[in-house]
Each structure stands twice: as C-alpha cells, then as structure tokens.
N, C-alpha and C. Protein backbone atom coordinates (compact mmCIF):
# COMPACT_ATOMS: atom_id res chain seq x y z
N UNK A 1 114.11 94.14 67.07
CA UNK A 1 113.71 94.28 68.45
C UNK A 1 113.62 95.76 68.79
N UNK A 2 112.50 96.14 69.41
CA UNK A 2 112.30 97.52 69.86
C UNK A 2 112.71 97.66 71.32
N UNK A 3 113.35 98.77 71.63
CA UNK A 3 113.71 99.09 73.00
C UNK A 3 113.16 100.48 73.29
N UNK A 4 112.49 100.61 74.42
CA UNK A 4 111.95 101.90 74.83
C UNK A 4 112.38 102.14 76.27
N UNK A 5 112.84 103.35 76.56
CA UNK A 5 113.28 103.68 77.91
C UNK A 5 112.69 105.02 78.32
N UNK A 6 112.24 105.07 79.56
CA UNK A 6 111.75 106.33 80.12
C UNK A 6 112.00 106.33 81.62
N UNK A 7 112.34 107.48 82.15
CA UNK A 7 112.61 107.61 83.59
C UNK A 7 111.36 108.08 84.32
N UNK A 8 111.25 107.64 85.56
CA UNK A 8 110.24 108.14 86.48
C UNK A 8 111.00 108.81 87.62
N UNK A 9 110.78 110.08 87.81
CA UNK A 9 111.45 110.81 88.90
C UNK A 9 110.46 111.00 90.04
N UNK A 10 110.89 110.64 91.23
CA UNK A 10 110.03 110.73 92.40
C UNK A 10 110.68 111.63 93.44
N UNK A 11 109.85 112.37 94.16
CA UNK A 11 110.33 113.20 95.25
C UNK A 11 109.73 112.64 96.54
N UNK A 12 110.60 112.44 97.52
CA UNK A 12 110.13 111.89 98.79
C UNK A 12 110.24 112.94 99.88
N UNK A 13 109.39 112.83 100.87
CA UNK A 13 109.36 113.80 101.97
C UNK A 13 109.85 113.20 103.28
N UNK A 14 109.61 111.93 103.50
CA UNK A 14 109.96 111.30 104.77
C UNK A 14 111.09 110.29 104.57
N UNK A 15 111.50 109.69 105.67
CA UNK A 15 112.61 108.73 105.59
C UNK A 15 112.19 107.45 104.90
N UNK A 16 110.98 106.97 105.18
CA UNK A 16 110.51 105.75 104.55
C UNK A 16 109.27 106.08 103.74
N UNK A 17 109.30 105.73 102.46
CA UNK A 17 108.18 106.00 101.57
C UNK A 17 107.86 104.74 100.78
N UNK A 18 106.59 104.53 100.57
CA UNK A 18 106.12 103.50 99.65
C UNK A 18 105.30 104.23 98.61
N UNK A 19 105.79 104.24 97.39
CA UNK A 19 105.13 104.98 96.33
C UNK A 19 104.67 103.99 95.27
N UNK A 20 103.39 103.98 95.00
CA UNK A 20 102.82 103.09 94.00
C UNK A 20 103.03 103.72 92.62
N UNK A 21 103.87 103.08 91.81
CA UNK A 21 104.17 103.61 90.47
C UNK A 21 103.49 102.79 89.37
N UNK A 22 102.55 101.93 89.76
CA UNK A 22 101.89 101.04 88.79
C UNK A 22 101.29 101.81 87.63
N UNK A 23 100.50 102.84 87.92
CA UNK A 23 99.85 103.60 86.85
C UNK A 23 100.87 104.31 85.95
N UNK A 24 101.96 104.79 86.55
CA UNK A 24 103.01 105.44 85.74
C UNK A 24 103.66 104.43 84.80
N UNK A 25 103.93 103.23 85.30
CA UNK A 25 104.54 102.19 84.46
C UNK A 25 103.57 101.79 83.35
N UNK A 26 102.30 101.61 83.68
CA UNK A 26 101.30 101.27 82.65
C UNK A 26 101.23 102.34 81.57
N UNK A 27 101.29 103.59 81.98
CA UNK A 27 101.25 104.70 81.02
C UNK A 27 102.47 104.68 80.09
N UNK A 28 103.63 104.41 80.65
CA UNK A 28 104.86 104.33 79.84
C UNK A 28 104.77 103.17 78.86
N UNK A 29 104.26 102.03 79.31
CA UNK A 29 104.11 100.88 78.42
C UNK A 29 103.19 101.23 77.26
N UNK A 30 102.07 101.87 77.56
CA UNK A 30 101.12 102.26 76.50
C UNK A 30 101.77 103.23 75.52
N UNK A 31 102.51 104.21 76.05
CA UNK A 31 103.17 105.21 75.21
C UNK A 31 104.24 104.58 74.32
N UNK A 32 104.86 103.49 74.78
CA UNK A 32 105.97 102.87 74.05
C UNK A 32 105.52 102.19 72.76
N UNK A 33 104.24 101.80 72.70
CA UNK A 33 103.69 101.05 71.56
C UNK A 33 104.32 99.68 71.40
N UNK A 34 105.03 99.20 72.41
CA UNK A 34 105.57 97.84 72.39
C UNK A 34 104.43 96.90 72.80
N UNK A 35 104.15 95.91 71.98
CA UNK A 35 103.01 95.02 72.22
C UNK A 35 103.38 93.73 72.94
N UNK A 36 104.65 93.35 72.88
CA UNK A 36 105.08 92.09 73.47
C UNK A 36 106.51 92.27 73.96
N UNK A 37 106.75 92.00 75.23
CA UNK A 37 108.11 92.17 75.72
C UNK A 37 108.20 92.13 77.22
N UNK A 38 109.26 92.70 77.74
CA UNK A 38 109.55 92.72 79.18
C UNK A 38 109.64 94.16 79.66
N UNK A 39 109.35 94.35 80.93
CA UNK A 39 109.50 95.66 81.56
C UNK A 39 110.52 95.52 82.68
N UNK A 40 111.48 96.40 82.71
CA UNK A 40 112.48 96.43 83.77
C UNK A 40 112.27 97.71 84.58
N UNK A 41 112.07 97.55 85.88
CA UNK A 41 111.97 98.68 86.80
C UNK A 41 113.16 98.57 87.74
N UNK A 42 113.99 99.60 87.77
CA UNK A 42 115.18 99.56 88.61
C UNK A 42 115.44 100.95 89.17
N UNK A 43 116.27 101.01 90.19
CA UNK A 43 116.66 102.29 90.77
C UNK A 43 118.18 102.42 90.69
N UNK A 44 118.62 103.63 90.49
CA UNK A 44 120.06 103.87 90.42
C UNK A 44 120.61 104.37 91.75
N UNK A 45 119.77 104.45 92.76
CA UNK A 45 120.19 104.95 94.07
C UNK A 45 120.35 103.81 95.06
N UNK A 46 121.40 103.87 95.87
CA UNK A 46 121.66 102.80 96.83
C UNK A 46 120.73 102.85 98.03
N UNK A 47 120.13 103.99 98.29
CA UNK A 47 119.24 104.11 99.44
C UNK A 47 117.78 103.93 99.05
N UNK A 48 117.56 103.42 97.87
CA UNK A 48 116.21 103.21 97.36
C UNK A 48 116.10 101.76 96.91
N UNK A 49 114.92 101.21 97.01
CA UNK A 49 114.72 99.86 96.50
C UNK A 49 113.37 99.79 95.80
N UNK A 50 113.23 98.79 94.96
CA UNK A 50 111.98 98.54 94.26
C UNK A 50 111.36 97.32 94.89
N UNK A 51 110.12 97.45 95.31
CA UNK A 51 109.41 96.37 95.98
C UNK A 51 108.17 96.04 95.17
N UNK A 52 108.02 94.77 94.84
CA UNK A 52 106.83 94.31 94.16
C UNK A 52 105.99 93.56 95.17
N UNK A 53 104.75 93.95 95.30
CA UNK A 53 103.87 93.25 96.22
C UNK A 53 102.50 93.09 95.60
N UNK A 54 101.78 92.12 96.09
CA UNK A 54 100.43 91.91 95.60
C UNK A 54 99.55 93.06 96.06
N UNK A 55 98.41 93.21 95.44
CA UNK A 55 97.48 94.26 95.82
C UNK A 55 97.05 94.04 97.26
N UNK A 56 97.14 95.09 98.05
CA UNK A 56 96.79 95.00 99.46
C UNK A 56 95.58 95.90 99.71
N UNK A 57 94.59 95.36 100.37
CA UNK A 57 93.43 96.17 100.70
C UNK A 57 93.21 96.27 102.21
N UNK A 58 94.06 95.59 102.98
CA UNK A 58 93.94 95.63 104.44
C UNK A 58 94.81 96.75 104.99
N UNK A 59 94.19 97.65 105.73
CA UNK A 59 94.92 98.79 106.30
C UNK A 59 94.65 98.88 107.80
N UNK A 60 95.62 99.46 108.51
CA UNK A 60 95.45 99.64 109.95
C UNK A 60 94.70 100.93 110.24
N UNK A 61 94.59 101.27 111.51
CA UNK A 61 93.80 102.45 111.89
C UNK A 61 94.41 103.76 111.43
N UNK A 62 95.70 103.75 111.06
CA UNK A 62 96.35 104.95 110.50
C UNK A 62 96.18 105.05 108.98
N UNK A 63 95.60 104.02 108.37
CA UNK A 63 95.46 104.00 106.92
C UNK A 63 96.67 103.42 106.21
N UNK A 64 97.61 102.83 106.97
CA UNK A 64 98.80 102.22 106.39
C UNK A 64 98.54 100.75 106.08
N UNK A 65 99.08 100.29 104.97
CA UNK A 65 98.91 98.89 104.61
C UNK A 65 99.69 98.02 105.59
N UNK A 66 99.06 96.92 106.01
CA UNK A 66 99.68 96.04 107.00
C UNK A 66 101.05 95.53 106.55
N UNK A 67 101.19 95.19 105.28
CA UNK A 67 102.47 94.68 104.80
C UNK A 67 103.56 95.74 104.94
N UNK A 68 103.25 96.99 104.63
CA UNK A 68 104.23 98.06 104.76
C UNK A 68 104.59 98.31 106.22
N UNK A 69 103.61 98.22 107.11
CA UNK A 69 103.88 98.37 108.54
C UNK A 69 104.81 97.26 109.01
N UNK A 70 104.54 96.03 108.58
CA UNK A 70 105.41 94.91 108.94
C UNK A 70 106.83 95.13 108.42
N UNK A 71 106.96 95.61 107.20
CA UNK A 71 108.29 95.88 106.64
C UNK A 71 109.01 96.94 107.45
N UNK A 72 108.29 97.98 107.87
CA UNK A 72 108.90 99.03 108.68
C UNK A 72 109.42 98.47 110.00
N UNK A 73 108.65 97.59 110.63
CA UNK A 73 109.08 96.99 111.89
C UNK A 73 110.35 96.14 111.69
N UNK A 74 110.37 95.38 110.62
CA UNK A 74 111.55 94.55 110.34
C UNK A 74 112.77 95.42 110.06
N UNK A 75 112.59 96.46 109.25
CA UNK A 75 113.71 97.36 108.95
C UNK A 75 114.22 98.06 110.21
N UNK A 76 113.30 98.46 111.10
CA UNK A 76 113.72 99.11 112.34
C UNK A 76 114.52 98.16 113.23
N UNK A 77 114.22 96.88 113.17
CA UNK A 77 114.99 95.90 113.96
C UNK A 77 116.37 95.66 113.34
N UNK A 78 116.41 95.59 112.01
CA UNK A 78 117.68 95.34 111.33
C UNK A 78 118.58 96.56 111.33
N UNK A 79 118.01 97.70 111.05
CA UNK A 79 118.76 98.95 110.96
C UNK A 79 117.96 100.02 111.71
N UNK A 80 118.21 100.15 113.02
CA UNK A 80 117.45 101.12 113.81
C UNK A 80 117.63 102.53 113.28
N UNK A 81 116.57 103.29 113.34
CA UNK A 81 116.62 104.69 112.89
C UNK A 81 117.36 105.53 113.91
N UNK A 82 118.09 106.52 113.39
CA UNK A 82 118.73 107.50 114.25
C UNK A 82 117.68 108.54 114.58
N UNK A 83 117.23 108.54 115.83
CA UNK A 83 116.14 109.42 116.23
C UNK A 83 116.60 110.77 116.72
N UNK A 84 117.90 110.93 116.96
CA UNK A 84 118.44 112.21 117.38
C UNK A 84 119.88 112.34 116.87
N UNK A 85 120.39 113.55 116.92
CA UNK A 85 121.77 113.78 116.50
C UNK A 85 122.74 113.43 117.61
N UNK A 86 122.26 113.36 118.84
CA UNK A 86 123.12 113.07 119.98
C UNK A 86 123.29 111.57 120.11
N UNK A 87 124.49 111.06 119.96
CA UNK A 87 124.73 109.61 120.01
C UNK A 87 125.19 109.16 121.38
N UNK A 88 125.26 110.05 122.37
CA UNK A 88 125.71 109.67 123.73
C UNK A 88 124.59 109.09 124.53
C-alpha cells in the first residue's frame, strides 16, 4: 500500500473565507502517482473547517456564491460576530 502526504498552506485576510482548493488537491493527487485510493482533506486548526459543496454557478450582485452567503447568515445567527471591541 502506498501512502502519500502533502500539506496545503493557506493565508487568509478576512474573518470568513471560502477558498477553493480543488485544483491544488488534483495537482497533489497527480504528483503522488497513486492510481487508486482515497484522499483525506483535513485541517489541524479549530477555527477552520473543510466544506465540500457541489459546483455552484449562481452568484449574487456582489459576486458571492448564494450557498456561501446563506452559510454566512446562518453562522451570524449561531455565533454573532464581534463588530467592536466595546462590549457595553
């Protein structure tokens, strides 16, 4: 059995980011020369998550994918963002 491992390091600028890593994962798979097997994508950070979604081509007037906008609204309801340092 062959095992191949490679890290993908990402830098984020804002509080909420959706980064498409599909092409990076495909490139790693090709480089691995593994022809049959499984791919595991995981994060070691507690403030990060891996989201798998179908290809989305519907975007709003800001150019954001509708599914991501919906997720942001749900997250804001569950865990409201701290918009200022003043909690009074």
